[in-house]
Amino acid sequence: MTAEDLQPYQRIVQDVKDQVRLGRLKGNDKLPSTRELADHYGVAPGTVQRALAELRAEGVVYSHQGRGSFIRESAVDAVDDPTSRAVKRLEEKVADLTERLERLEADGDKRS
């Protein structure tokens, strides 16, 4: 299913989940206001409300009357999928290998 196949509220839900998955949104981050999100996505405020209701139901966000909507601490677990976990493992391995390579190069420079 492509983004074009999704309803507008579903695109918002997917975008927020993607931002959490990528680490752009973290636990307790405040989301923009309904009006700001509506303007950003070019949709009606009711569409944003539907997306937020879906995100609440899935455990990605929580809302406080008068304060706004926030990303749950456990949101990463709620949006995590096998692909995301595999990418995270690969990123960790690349970081580890990079660190090892830098140490080896530093040791080689000391010997020269």
N, C-alpha and C. Protein backbone atom coordinates (compact mmCIF):
# COMPACT_ATOMS: atom_id res chain seq x y z
N MET A 1 0.84 -1.18 0.00
CA MET A 1 0.00 0.00 0.00
C MET A 1 0.89 1.24 0.00
N THR A 2 0.67 2.13 -0.95
CA THR A 2 1.46 3.35 -1.03
C THR A 2 0.80 4.46 -0.22
N ALA A 3 1.54 5.54 -0.03
CA ALA A 3 1.02 6.68 0.73
C ALA A 3 -0.24 7.23 0.08
N GLU A 4 -0.31 7.15 -1.26
CA GLU A 4 -1.48 7.65 -1.97
C GLU A 4 -2.72 6.82 -1.68
N ASP A 5 -2.54 5.56 -1.30
CA ASP A 5 -3.66 4.67 -1.00
C ASP A 5 -4.24 4.92 0.39
N LEU A 6 -3.52 5.65 1.22
CA LEU A 6 -3.95 5.88 2.59
C LEU A 6 -4.89 7.07 2.68
N GLN A 7 -5.79 7.01 3.64
CA GLN A 7 -6.63 8.15 3.96
C GLN A 7 -5.74 9.23 4.57
N PRO A 8 -6.14 10.50 4.51
CA PRO A 8 -5.30 11.56 5.08
C PRO A 8 -4.94 11.32 6.55
N TYR A 9 -5.88 10.87 7.37
CA TYR A 9 -5.55 10.65 8.78
C TYR A 9 -4.54 9.51 8.92
N GLN A 10 -4.61 8.51 8.03
CA GLN A 10 -3.68 7.39 8.09
C GLN A 10 -2.26 7.84 7.71
N ARG A 11 -2.16 8.80 6.81
CA ARG A 11 -0.84 9.33 6.44
C ARG A 11 -0.21 10.04 7.62
N ILE A 12 -1.03 10.77 8.39
CA ILE A 12 -0.52 11.45 9.58
C ILE A 12 -0.05 10.43 10.59
N VAL A 13 -0.86 9.40 10.82
CA VAL A 13 -0.50 8.33 11.76
C VAL A 13 0.82 7.70 11.33
N GLN A 14 0.94 7.37 10.06
CA GLN A 14 2.16 6.73 9.56
C GLN A 14 3.36 7.66 9.69
N ASP A 15 3.17 8.93 9.41
CA ASP A 15 4.27 9.89 9.50
C ASP A 15 4.77 10.02 10.94
N VAL A 16 3.85 10.12 11.89
CA VAL A 16 4.26 10.23 13.30
C VAL A 16 5.00 8.96 13.71
N LYS A 17 4.48 7.80 13.33
CA LYS A 17 5.15 6.54 13.67
C LYS A 17 6.54 6.48 13.05
N ASP A 18 6.66 6.92 11.80
CA ASP A 18 7.96 6.92 11.14
C ASP A 18 8.94 7.84 11.87
N GLN A 19 8.47 9.00 12.31
CA GLN A 19 9.33 9.93 13.02
C GLN A 19 9.80 9.34 14.36
N VAL A 20 8.91 8.59 15.01
CA VAL A 20 9.30 7.91 16.26
C VAL A 20 10.33 6.83 15.94
N ARG A 21 10.04 6.04 14.93
CA ARG A 21 10.92 4.93 14.54
C ARG A 21 12.31 5.44 14.19
N LEU A 22 12.38 6.60 13.54
CA LEU A 22 13.66 7.17 13.12
C LEU A 22 14.35 7.97 14.23
N GLY A 23 13.68 8.11 15.36
CA GLY A 23 14.27 8.84 16.47
C GLY A 23 14.10 10.34 16.40
N ARG A 24 13.34 10.83 15.45
CA ARG A 24 13.10 12.27 15.35
C ARG A 24 12.13 12.75 16.43
N LEU A 25 11.24 11.85 16.84
CA LEU A 25 10.34 12.11 17.97
C LEU A 25 10.66 11.10 19.05
N LYS A 26 10.78 11.59 20.28
CA LYS A 26 11.15 10.72 21.41
C LYS A 26 10.10 10.85 22.50
N GLY A 27 10.21 9.97 23.48
CA GLY A 27 9.27 9.97 24.60
C GLY A 27 9.13 11.33 25.24
N ASN A 28 7.89 11.72 25.48
CA ASN A 28 7.50 12.99 26.11
C ASN A 28 7.68 14.21 25.21
N ASP A 29 8.08 14.03 23.96
CA ASP A 29 8.11 15.17 23.04
C ASP A 29 6.68 15.62 22.80
N LYS A 30 6.49 16.93 22.77
CA LYS A 30 5.17 17.50 22.53
C LYS A 30 4.95 17.63 21.03
N LEU A 31 3.80 17.18 20.58
CA LEU A 31 3.44 17.35 19.17
C LEU A 31 2.94 18.78 18.96
N PRO A 32 3.03 19.27 17.73
CA PRO A 32 2.45 20.58 17.45
C PRO A 32 0.94 20.56 17.73
N SER A 33 0.35 21.73 17.82
CA SER A 33 -1.09 21.81 18.08
C SER A 33 -1.88 21.21 16.92
N THR A 34 -3.15 20.94 17.18
CA THR A 34 -4.02 20.41 16.13
C THR A 34 -4.03 21.34 14.93
N ARG A 35 -4.13 22.63 15.18
CA ARG A 35 -4.15 23.62 14.09
C ARG A 35 -2.84 23.58 13.30
N GLU A 36 -1.72 23.53 14.01
CA GLU A 36 -0.42 23.49 13.33
C GLU A 36 -0.27 22.21 12.50
N LEU A 37 -0.71 21.09 13.05
CA LEU A 37 -0.65 19.84 12.30
C LEU A 37 -1.57 19.89 11.08
N ALA A 38 -2.76 20.46 11.26
CA ALA A 38 -3.70 20.58 10.14
C ALA A 38 -3.09 21.43 9.02
N ASP A 39 -2.46 22.53 9.39
CA ASP A 39 -1.81 23.38 8.40
C ASP A 39 -0.65 22.65 7.72
N HIS A 40 0.15 21.95 8.52
CA HIS A 40 1.31 21.23 7.99
C HIS A 40 0.89 20.17 6.96
N TYR A 41 -0.15 19.41 7.28
CA TYR A 41 -0.58 18.31 6.41
C TYR A 41 -1.63 18.75 5.39
N GLY A 42 -2.11 19.99 5.50
CA GLY A 42 -3.11 20.48 4.56
C GLY A 42 -4.46 19.77 4.70
N VAL A 43 -4.85 19.50 5.95
CA VAL A 43 -6.10 18.80 6.22
C VAL A 43 -6.92 19.59 7.23
N ALA A 44 -8.14 19.15 7.45
CA ALA A 44 -9.02 19.78 8.44
C ALA A 44 -8.60 19.35 9.84
N PRO A 45 -8.87 20.18 10.85
CA PRO A 45 -8.55 19.81 12.23
C PRO A 45 -9.19 18.48 12.65
N GLY A 46 -10.36 18.18 12.14
CA GLY A 46 -11.02 16.91 12.46
C GLY A 46 -10.21 15.71 11.99
N THR A 47 -9.53 15.86 10.86
CA THR A 47 -8.67 14.79 10.34
C THR A 47 -7.50 14.55 11.29
N VAL A 48 -6.94 15.63 11.81
CA VAL A 48 -5.84 15.52 12.78
C VAL A 48 -6.35 14.85 14.05
N GLN A 49 -7.54 15.24 14.49
CA GLN A 49 -8.12 14.64 15.70
C GLN A 49 -8.30 13.14 15.51
N ARG A 50 -8.74 12.73 14.34
CA ARG A 50 -8.90 11.29 14.06
C ARG A 50 -7.55 10.59 14.10
N ALA A 51 -6.53 11.21 13.54
CA ALA A 51 -5.19 10.62 13.57
C ALA A 51 -4.69 10.50 15.00
N LEU A 52 -4.89 11.55 15.81
CA LEU A 52 -4.46 11.50 17.20
C LEU A 52 -5.20 10.43 17.99
N ALA A 53 -6.49 10.27 17.70
CA ALA A 53 -7.27 9.21 18.36
C ALA A 53 -6.69 7.84 18.03
N GLU A 54 -6.32 7.65 16.78
CA GLU A 54 -5.70 6.38 16.35
C GLU A 54 -4.36 6.17 17.04
N LEU A 55 -3.55 7.22 17.10
CA LEU A 55 -2.24 7.12 17.76
C LEU A 55 -2.40 6.84 19.25
N ARG A 56 -3.42 7.43 19.88
CA ARG A 56 -3.68 7.14 21.30
C ARG A 56 -4.08 5.68 21.47
N ALA A 57 -4.96 5.20 20.60
CA ALA A 57 -5.43 3.82 20.68
C ALA A 57 -4.29 2.83 20.50
N GLU A 58 -3.29 3.19 19.71
CA GLU A 58 -2.15 2.32 19.45
C GLU A 58 -1.04 2.50 20.49
N GLY A 59 -1.24 3.42 21.44
CA GLY A 59 -0.26 3.61 22.50
C GLY A 59 0.96 4.41 22.10
N VAL A 60 0.85 5.20 21.03
CA VAL A 60 1.97 5.99 20.56
C VAL A 60 1.99 7.36 21.23
N VAL A 61 0.81 7.95 21.43
CA VAL A 61 0.73 9.27 22.06
C VAL A 61 -0.24 9.25 23.24
N TYR A 62 -0.11 10.26 24.08
CA TYR A 62 -1.08 10.52 25.12
C TYR A 62 -1.40 11.99 25.07
N SER A 63 -2.57 12.35 25.51
CA SER A 63 -3.01 13.75 25.44
C SER A 63 -3.47 14.23 26.80
N HIS A 64 -3.24 15.51 27.05
CA HIS A 64 -3.73 16.18 28.25
C HIS A 64 -4.58 17.35 27.79
N GLN A 65 -5.81 17.41 28.28
CA GLN A 65 -6.70 18.51 27.93
C GLN A 65 -6.03 19.85 28.23
N GLY A 66 -5.98 20.70 27.23
CA GLY A 66 -5.41 22.03 27.41
C GLY A 66 -3.90 22.10 27.30
N ARG A 67 -3.21 20.96 27.33
CA ARG A 67 -1.75 20.96 27.24
C ARG A 67 -1.24 20.41 25.92
N GLY A 68 -1.99 19.53 25.30
CA GLY A 68 -1.58 18.99 24.01
C GLY A 68 -1.36 17.50 24.02
N SER A 69 -0.75 17.02 22.95
CA SER A 69 -0.46 15.60 22.78
C SER A 69 1.04 15.39 22.82
N PHE A 70 1.44 14.28 23.42
CA PHE A 70 2.84 13.96 23.65
C PHE A 70 3.14 12.54 23.23
N ILE A 71 4.38 12.30 22.84
CA ILE A 71 4.83 10.95 22.50
C ILE A 71 5.02 10.16 23.78
N ARG A 72 4.50 8.94 23.83
CA ARG A 72 4.68 8.08 24.99
C ARG A 72 6.12 7.59 25.06
N GLU A 73 6.60 7.38 26.29
CA GLU A 73 7.95 6.81 26.48
C GLU A 73 8.05 5.47 25.76
N SER A 74 6.98 4.70 25.79
CA SER A 74 6.97 3.36 25.19
C SER A 74 6.62 3.37 23.71
N ALA A 75 6.59 4.55 23.09
CA ALA A 75 6.16 4.66 21.69
C ALA A 75 7.04 3.85 20.75
N VAL A 76 8.33 3.80 21.03
CA VAL A 76 9.23 3.05 20.15
C VAL A 76 8.81 1.59 20.10
N ASP A 77 8.42 1.05 21.25
CA ASP A 77 7.96 -0.34 21.27
C ASP A 77 6.66 -0.49 20.50
N ALA A 78 5.80 0.53 20.56
CA ALA A 78 4.51 0.46 19.88
C ALA A 78 4.66 0.49 18.36
N VAL A 79 5.69 1.17 17.86
CA VAL A 79 5.86 1.29 16.41
C VAL A 79 6.95 0.37 15.88
N ASP A 80 7.64 -0.30 16.78
CA ASP A 80 8.74 -1.16 16.38
C ASP A 80 8.24 -2.33 15.54
N ASP A 81 8.95 -2.65 14.51
CA ASP A 81 8.63 -3.79 13.68
C ASP A 81 9.94 -4.53 13.38
N PRO A 82 9.85 -5.73 12.82
CA PRO A 82 11.07 -6.50 12.57
C PRO A 82 12.09 -5.76 11.70
N THR A 83 11.64 -5.01 10.73
CA THR A 83 12.56 -4.27 9.87
C THR A 83 13.30 -3.21 10.67
N SER A 84 12.57 -2.49 11.51
CA SER A 84 13.20 -1.45 12.33
C SER A 84 14.22 -2.05 13.27
N ARG A 85 13.88 -3.17 13.87
CA ARG A 85 14.83 -3.82 14.78
C ARG A 85 16.08 -4.25 14.02
N ALA A 86 15.90 -4.78 12.82
CA ALA A 86 17.06 -5.20 12.02
C ALA A 86 17.93 -4.00 11.65
N VAL A 87 17.31 -2.90 11.29
CA VAL A 87 18.07 -1.70 10.96
C VAL A 87 18.84 -1.20 12.18
N LYS A 88 18.20 -1.21 13.33
CA LYS A 88 18.88 -0.77 14.56
C LYS A 88 20.08 -1.65 14.86
N ARG A 89 19.92 -2.96 14.70
CA ARG A 89 21.05 -3.87 14.94
C ARG A 89 22.19 -3.58 13.97
N LEU A 90 21.86 -3.34 12.71
CA LEU A 90 22.89 -3.02 11.72
C LEU A 90 23.59 -1.71 12.06
N GLU A 91 22.82 -0.71 12.49
CA GLU A 91 23.41 0.57 12.87
C GLU A 91 24.38 0.38 14.04
N GLU A 92 23.99 -0.44 15.01
CA GLU A 92 24.86 -0.70 16.16
C GLU A 92 26.14 -1.40 15.73
N LYS A 93 26.02 -2.37 14.81
CA LYS A 93 27.20 -3.08 14.33
C LYS A 93 28.13 -2.16 13.55
N VAL A 94 27.56 -1.30 12.72
CA VAL A 94 28.37 -0.36 11.96
C VAL A 94 29.11 0.59 12.91
N ALA A 95 28.41 1.07 13.94
CA ALA A 95 29.05 1.95 14.91
C ALA A 95 30.18 1.23 15.62
N ASP A 96 29.97 -0.03 15.99
CA ASP A 96 31.00 -0.81 16.65
C ASP A 96 32.20 -1.03 15.73
N LEU A 97 31.94 -1.37 14.49
CA LEU A 97 33.04 -1.59 13.54
C LEU A 97 33.79 -0.29 13.26
N THR A 98 33.08 0.81 13.18
CA THR A 98 33.73 2.11 12.97
C THR A 98 34.66 2.43 14.12
N GLU A 99 34.18 2.19 15.34
CA GLU A 99 35.00 2.44 16.52
C GLU A 99 36.26 1.57 16.50
N ARG A 100 36.09 0.29 16.16
CA ARG A 100 37.25 -0.61 16.10
C ARG A 100 38.25 -0.15 15.05
N LEU A 101 37.74 0.23 13.88
CA LEU A 101 38.62 0.68 12.80
C LEU A 101 39.39 1.93 13.21
N GLU A 102 38.72 2.86 13.87
CA GLU A 102 39.40 4.07 14.32
C GLU A 102 40.49 3.75 15.32
N ARG A 103 40.23 2.79 16.23
CA ARG A 103 41.26 2.38 17.20
C ARG A 103 42.45 1.75 16.48
N LEU A 104 42.18 0.87 15.51
CA LEU A 104 43.25 0.22 14.77
C LEU A 104 44.09 1.25 14.00
N GLU A 105 43.43 2.21 13.38
CA GLU A 105 44.16 3.24 12.64
C GLU A 105 44.98 4.10 13.60
N ALA A 106 44.43 4.41 14.75
CA ALA A 106 45.17 5.20 15.75
C ALA A 106 46.39 4.43 16.24
N ASP A 107 46.24 3.14 16.47
CA ASP A 107 47.36 2.30 16.90
C ASP A 107 48.42 2.23 15.80
N GLY A 108 47.98 2.15 14.53
CA GLY A 108 48.92 2.11 13.42
C GLY A 108 49.70 3.40 13.29
N ASP A 109 49.04 4.52 13.53
CA ASP A 109 49.71 5.82 13.46
C ASP A 109 50.76 5.95 14.56
N LYS A 110 50.49 5.40 15.71
CA LYS A 110 51.44 5.47 16.84
C LYS A 110 52.71 4.66 16.51
N ARG A 111 52.55 3.59 15.76
CA ARG A 111 53.70 2.73 15.45
C ARG A 111 54.54 3.29 14.31
N SER A 112 53.98 4.17 13.52
CA SER A 112 54.70 4.71 12.36
C SER A 112 55.69 5.77 12.74
